[in-house]
């Protein structure tokens, strides 16, 4: 199940699930996707808590504009577990 996403958010979702893993996925694009698929809440320590249904995942904002590969892998598992995948997957 994929909620209604705009073109840019669908592209970001595809990049999260791409093989090989994207090394230049920008934080602002990922944040937009996460806000579209779940509820997001910033914590006091600059972490983003994403909740989809009964599942939650905490994402650390990267120091640079690009998201770390380990973060992408963790999000891939979290999104898949929450039933969020690209339509082609």
Protein backbone atom coordinates (compact mmCIF):
# COMPACT_ATOMS: atom_id res chain seq x y z
CA UNK A 1 0.00 0.00 0.00
CA UNK A 2 1.37 3.40 -0.96
CA UNK A 3 -0.44 6.55 0.17
CA UNK A 4 -1.08 9.35 -2.29
CA UNK A 5 2.36 10.75 -3.14
CA UNK A 6 3.31 13.47 -5.55
CA UNK A 7 5.77 12.73 -8.33
CA UNK A 8 8.77 13.93 -6.35
CA UNK A 9 7.85 11.82 -3.30
CA UNK A 10 7.33 8.73 -5.50
CA UNK A 11 10.80 9.27 -6.99
CA UNK A 12 12.27 9.53 -3.49
CA UNK A 13 10.50 6.32 -2.45
CA UNK A 14 11.93 4.58 -5.51
CA UNK A 15 15.40 5.84 -4.59
CA UNK A 16 15.05 4.52 -1.02
CA UNK A 17 14.35 1.05 -2.44
CA UNK A 18 16.84 1.26 -5.34
CA UNK A 19 19.66 -1.24 -5.80
CA UNK A 20 22.42 -0.22 -5.52
CA UNK A 21 21.63 2.16 -2.70
CA UNK A 22 21.54 5.83 -3.64
CA UNK A 23 24.49 7.74 -2.18
CA UNK A 24 23.09 11.20 -2.88
CA UNK A 25 19.58 11.11 -1.44
CA UNK A 26 18.93 14.54 0.04
CA UNK A 27 17.52 14.94 3.52
CA UNK A 28 14.83 17.44 2.47
CA UNK A 29 13.49 14.95 -0.09
CA UNK A 30 13.42 12.14 2.45
CA UNK A 31 11.75 14.36 5.05
CA UNK A 32 9.02 15.26 2.54
CA UNK A 33 8.40 11.57 1.81
CA UNK A 34 8.25 10.64 5.49
CA UNK A 35 5.78 13.44 6.24
CA UNK A 36 3.59 12.16 3.38
CA UNK A 37 3.50 8.53 4.54
CA UNK A 38 3.27 9.00 8.30
CA UNK A 39 3.16 11.42 11.15
CA UNK A 40 6.46 13.08 12.02
CA UNK A 41 7.56 14.66 15.26
CA UNK A 42 10.88 16.34 16.02
CA UNK A 43 12.46 15.40 19.33
CA UNK A 44 14.53 17.72 21.53
CA UNK A 45 17.77 16.15 20.26
CA UNK A 46 17.05 16.91 16.56
CA UNK A 47 15.81 13.42 15.71
CA UNK A 48 12.72 12.82 13.59
CA UNK A 49 10.27 10.28 15.00
CA UNK A 50 8.17 8.82 12.19
CA UNK A 51 5.01 6.87 13.02
CA UNK A 52 3.07 4.77 10.51
CA UNK A 53 0.19 2.85 12.03
CA UNK A 54 1.47 1.19 15.20
CA UNK A 55 5.14 1.32 14.17
CA UNK A 56 7.60 4.11 14.91
CA UNK A 57 11.15 4.75 13.77
CA UNK A 58 13.60 7.47 14.76
CA UNK A 59 15.76 9.06 12.09
CA UNK A 60 18.80 11.19 12.88
CA UNK A 61 19.13 14.29 10.72
CA UNK A 62 22.43 14.02 8.82
CA UNK A 63 25.15 16.63 9.25
CA UNK A 64 25.34 17.09 5.48
CA UNK A 65 22.51 17.43 2.96
CA UNK A 66 22.75 13.75 1.95
CA UNK A 67 21.34 10.84 3.96
CA UNK A 68 23.73 8.14 5.15
CA UNK A 69 23.51 4.69 3.54
CA UNK A 70 22.81 3.00 6.90
CA UNK A 71 19.85 5.33 7.42
CA UNK A 72 18.45 4.42 4.01
CA UNK A 73 18.77 0.70 4.75
CA UNK A 74 17.01 1.11 8.12
CA UNK A 75 14.23 3.17 6.53
CA UNK A 76 13.80 0.60 3.78
CA UNK A 77 13.10 -2.08 6.40
CA UNK A 78 10.82 0.21 8.42
CA UNK A 79 8.79 1.30 5.38
CA UNK A 80 8.48 -2.26 4.06
CA UNK A 81 7.30 -3.43 7.50
CA UNK A 82 4.69 -0.66 7.49
CA UNK A 83 3.47 -1.74 4.04
CA UNK A 84 5.01 1.20 2.16
CA UNK A 85 6.84 0.16 -1.01
CA UNK A 86 7.15 1.44 -4.55
CA UNK A 87 4.44 0.08 -6.84
CA UNK A 88 7.05 -1.70 -8.97
CA UNK A 89 8.53 -3.55 -5.94
